[in-house]
Amino acid sequence: TMVSSSAASDVYKRQVLVYPIYKRTYERRVDVRGPNDYRDVTIQIGKDLRRTIDYLETREDIDSDRQVFYGMSWGATLGPLLTAIEPRFAASILIAGGQHRYPEDWPPVAVPQNFAPRSTVPTLMINGKADFGAPVETNILPMFDMLGTPAENKRLVLLDGGHVPASTNEVIREVLDWLDLYLGPVDTGPRPVATSEN
């Protein structure tokens, strides 16, 4: 059985999650031994993301004007860099990210906060108040302030918890509200009827 794609795209607004397998993750692991290796991997991750968006634009069942970047932890740290080099996102959600310190000889292209002023997409940052790896005053607030997004289109939410906020329900509520604000609410009506194709 198969859901009629025309019925799904014409009548129902649904959300799709796309999970790119970036260089240096899962089966694409590589040895990274120094700053130049990090530079090369960071450039490749940017290419991986852009190719993913290129592919999604070829799909008739994907609305390419309503794509959102979602990053958690390392993904949230890279978020400002990736949304600066990829302008096709309608919004960005960064959970448990922030700026990090890098050695002085680190290649500038591999330092995400260097790109933050060029990231102008509407951005929601959600962080734990007690994140020992990215403290609010030294890592989270500076990254939020550096974002090039106009003040009215960015929001920082600090929740109880450490690196990842303790209340999953609060995170979900904030994320869904952000998606509704920038993409419009999702139609939660009945799903299309499955049809059989021979």
Protein backbone atom coordinates (compact mmCIF):
# COMPACT_ATOMS: atom_id res chain seq x y z
CA THR A 1 0.00 0.00 0.00
CA MET A 2 1.06 3.54 -0.61
CA VAL A 3 -0.18 6.98 0.40
CA SER A 4 -1.13 9.08 -2.60
CA SER A 5 1.57 11.76 -2.73
CA SER A 6 -0.72 14.26 -4.44
CA ALA A 7 -3.29 13.91 -1.67
CA ALA A 8 -0.62 14.26 0.98
CA SER A 9 1.02 17.33 -0.55
CA ASP A 10 -2.16 19.13 -1.61
CA VAL A 11 -4.24 18.65 1.51
CA TYR A 12 -1.96 17.91 4.46
CA LYS A 13 0.92 19.86 5.94
CA ARG A 14 3.24 17.40 7.67
CA GLN A 15 6.78 17.64 9.00
CA VAL A 16 9.67 15.48 7.87
CA LEU A 17 12.91 14.86 9.75
CA VAL A 18 16.06 14.55 7.65
CA TYR A 19 19.19 13.34 9.44
CA PRO A 20 22.36 13.87 7.37
CA ILE A 21 25.28 11.56 8.14
CA TYR A 22 28.06 14.12 8.24
CA LYS A 23 31.74 13.48 7.70
CA ARG A 24 33.30 12.30 11.00
CA THR A 25 30.07 10.64 12.21
CA TYR A 26 28.84 7.05 12.14
CA GLU A 27 30.39 5.05 9.29
CA ARG A 28 32.05 8.23 7.95
CA ARG A 29 34.54 8.46 10.82
CA VAL A 30 38.00 9.77 10.01
CA ASP A 31 41.11 10.41 12.09
CA VAL A 32 41.40 14.07 13.01
CA ARG A 33 44.90 14.84 14.21
CA GLY A 34 45.25 18.59 14.15
CA PRO A 35 43.82 21.97 13.22
CA ASN A 36 44.07 21.44 9.47
CA ASP A 37 42.20 18.14 9.71
CA TYR A 38 39.44 19.93 11.67
CA ARG A 39 39.35 22.62 8.99
CA ASP A 40 38.95 20.03 6.24
CA VAL A 41 36.25 18.13 8.14
CA THR A 42 34.34 21.35 8.91
CA ILE A 43 34.37 22.29 5.21
CA GLN A 44 33.15 18.79 4.31
CA ILE A 45 30.32 18.98 6.87
CA GLY A 46 29.20 22.23 5.25
CA LYS A 47 29.23 20.53 1.85
CA ASP A 48 27.29 17.56 3.26
CA LEU A 49 24.60 19.88 4.58
CA ARG A 50 24.33 21.86 1.34
CA ARG A 51 24.07 18.67 -0.71
CA THR A 52 21.31 17.46 1.58
CA ILE A 53 19.34 20.65 0.96
CA ASP A 54 20.06 20.37 -2.79
CA TYR A 55 18.57 16.87 -2.74
CA LEU A 56 15.51 17.94 -0.75
CA GLU A 57 14.83 20.65 -3.33
CA THR A 58 14.45 17.93 -5.98
CA ARG A 59 11.63 16.29 -4.00
CA GLU A 60 8.10 17.34 -4.92
CA ASP A 61 6.84 16.24 -1.51
CA ILE A 62 9.18 18.62 0.37
CA ASP A 63 8.46 22.34 0.65
CA SER A 64 11.94 23.79 0.26
CA ASP A 65 10.84 27.16 1.65
CA ARG A 66 9.99 25.60 5.03
CA GLN A 67 13.21 23.88 6.08
CA VAL A 68 14.57 24.27 9.60
CA PHE A 69 18.03 23.54 10.95
CA TYR A 70 17.90 21.54 14.21
CA GLY A 71 21.08 20.86 16.13
CA MET A 72 21.72 19.38 19.54
CA SER A 73 24.99 19.65 21.45
CA TRP A 74 27.73 19.42 18.79
CA GLY A 75 25.10 20.10 16.12
CA ALA A 76 23.95 23.20 18.01
CA THR A 77 27.55 24.39 18.36
CA LEU A 78 28.00 24.06 14.58
CA GLY A 79 24.57 25.59 13.91
CA PRO A 80 25.65 29.23 13.51
CA LEU A 81 28.38 28.21 11.06
CA LEU A 82 26.08 25.97 9.04
CA THR A 83 23.17 28.42 8.92
CA ALA A 84 25.57 31.20 7.87
CA ILE A 85 26.81 29.24 4.84
CA GLU A 86 23.40 27.73 3.98
CA PRO A 87 20.80 30.48 3.49
CA ARG A 88 17.88 28.20 2.59
CA PHE A 89 16.65 27.60 6.16
CA ALA A 90 13.44 29.28 7.33
CA ALA A 91 14.48 28.95 10.99
CA SER A 92 17.04 27.37 13.30
CA ILE A 93 16.75 25.49 16.59
CA LEU A 94 19.90 25.05 18.68
CA ILE A 95 19.68 22.91 21.81
CA ALA A 96 22.60 22.67 24.26
CA GLY A 97 25.01 24.66 22.10
CA GLY A 98 27.10 27.75 22.67
CA GLN A 99 30.53 29.08 21.85
CA HIS A 100 33.68 27.18 22.72
CA ARG A 101 37.29 28.19 23.09
CA TYR A 102 39.75 27.09 20.42
CA PRO A 103 43.55 27.35 20.34
CA GLU A 104 44.91 30.57 18.80
CA ASP A 105 46.34 28.70 15.80
CA TRP A 106 42.97 27.12 14.97
CA PRO A 107 41.85 27.76 11.38
CA PRO A 108 39.13 30.47 11.45
CA VAL A 109 36.92 28.38 9.14
CA ALA A 110 36.70 25.70 11.86
CA VAL A 111 35.51 28.10 14.60
CA PRO A 112 31.69 28.27 14.57
CA GLN A 113 31.39 31.55 16.47
CA ASN A 114 33.30 33.30 13.67
CA PHE A 115 30.21 32.72 11.53
CA ALA A 116 27.59 33.73 14.12
CA PRO A 117 27.31 37.37 12.95
CA ARG A 118 26.55 36.08 9.43
CA SER A 119 23.81 33.75 10.65
CA THR A 120 20.63 35.80 10.24
CA VAL A 121 17.99 33.05 10.24
CA PRO A 122 15.36 33.19 13.02
CA THR A 123 16.99 31.20 15.83
CA LEU A 124 15.74 29.53 19.00
CA MET A 125 18.46 28.56 21.49
CA ILE A 126 17.50 26.25 24.36
CA ASN A 127 20.08 25.53 27.05
CA GLY A 128 20.33 24.12 30.55
CA LYS A 129 20.98 26.71 33.25
CA ALA A 130 23.67 24.52 34.82
CA ASP A 131 25.59 23.34 31.75
CA PHE A 132 29.09 22.72 33.10
CA GLY A 133 30.57 22.41 29.59
CA ALA A 134 28.96 25.58 28.26
CA PRO A 135 28.22 27.94 31.16
CA VAL A 136 25.54 30.56 30.55
CA GLU A 137 27.70 33.66 31.13
CA THR A 138 30.80 32.58 29.19
CA ASN A 139 29.46 30.34 26.42
CA ILE A 140 25.71 30.60 25.89
CA LEU A 141 24.98 34.34 26.21
CA PRO A 142 27.99 35.38 24.10
CA MET A 143 26.93 33.05 21.26
CA PHE A 144 23.35 34.27 21.44
CA ASP A 145 24.50 37.90 21.38
CA MET A 146 26.85 37.25 18.42
CA LEU A 147 24.09 35.86 16.19
CA GLY A 148 23.37 38.22 13.30
CA THR A 149 19.67 37.46 13.61
CA PRO A 150 17.59 40.56 14.44
CA ALA A 151 16.63 40.66 18.13
CA GLU A 152 12.93 40.15 17.38
CA ASN A 153 13.71 36.89 15.52
CA LYS A 154 15.89 35.17 18.10
CA ARG A 155 15.03 33.71 21.47
CA LEU A 156 17.10 32.20 24.27
CA VAL A 157 15.36 29.82 26.67
CA LEU A 158 17.23 28.71 29.79
CA LEU A 159 15.69 25.68 31.46
CA ASP A 160 16.57 23.71 34.58
CA GLY A 161 19.21 21.09 33.94
CA GLY A 162 22.75 20.56 32.79
CA HIS A 163 24.04 20.19 29.26
CA VAL A 164 20.65 19.00 28.06
CA PRO A 165 17.65 20.60 29.81
CA ALA A 166 15.95 18.27 32.30
CA SER A 167 12.36 18.67 31.07
CA THR A 168 11.86 17.11 27.66
CA ASN A 169 8.28 18.38 27.65
CA GLU A 170 9.43 22.01 28.07
CA VAL A 171 11.91 21.60 25.21
CA ILE A 172 9.24 20.07 22.97
CA ARG A 173 6.78 22.89 23.79
CA GLU A 174 9.36 25.57 22.95
CA VAL A 175 10.38 23.83 19.70
CA LEU A 176 6.79 23.32 18.53
CA ASP A 177 5.89 26.93 19.33
CA TRP A 178 8.93 28.11 17.32
CA LEU A 179 8.02 25.90 14.37
CA ASP A 180 4.42 27.16 14.47
CA LEU A 181 5.66 30.75 14.55
CA TYR A 182 8.00 30.44 11.55
CA LEU A 183 6.40 27.64 9.52
CA GLY A 184 2.77 27.84 10.56
CA PRO A 185 0.91 25.17 12.49
CA VAL A 186 0.88 21.58 11.26
CA ASP A 187 -2.43 20.20 10.03
CA THR A 188 -3.23 17.43 12.49
CA GLY A 189 -6.37 16.32 10.67
CA PRO A 190 -6.94 12.74 9.53
CA ARG A 191 -4.18 11.16 7.46
CA PRO A 192 -4.81 10.36 3.79
CA VAL A 193 -6.25 6.96 3.06
CA ALA A 194 -3.70 4.43 1.83
CA THR A 195 -4.35 3.17 -1.68
CA SER A 196 -3.07 0.10 -3.42
CA GLU A 197 -0.97 0.54 -6.55
CA ASN A 198 -0.25 -2.41 -8.82
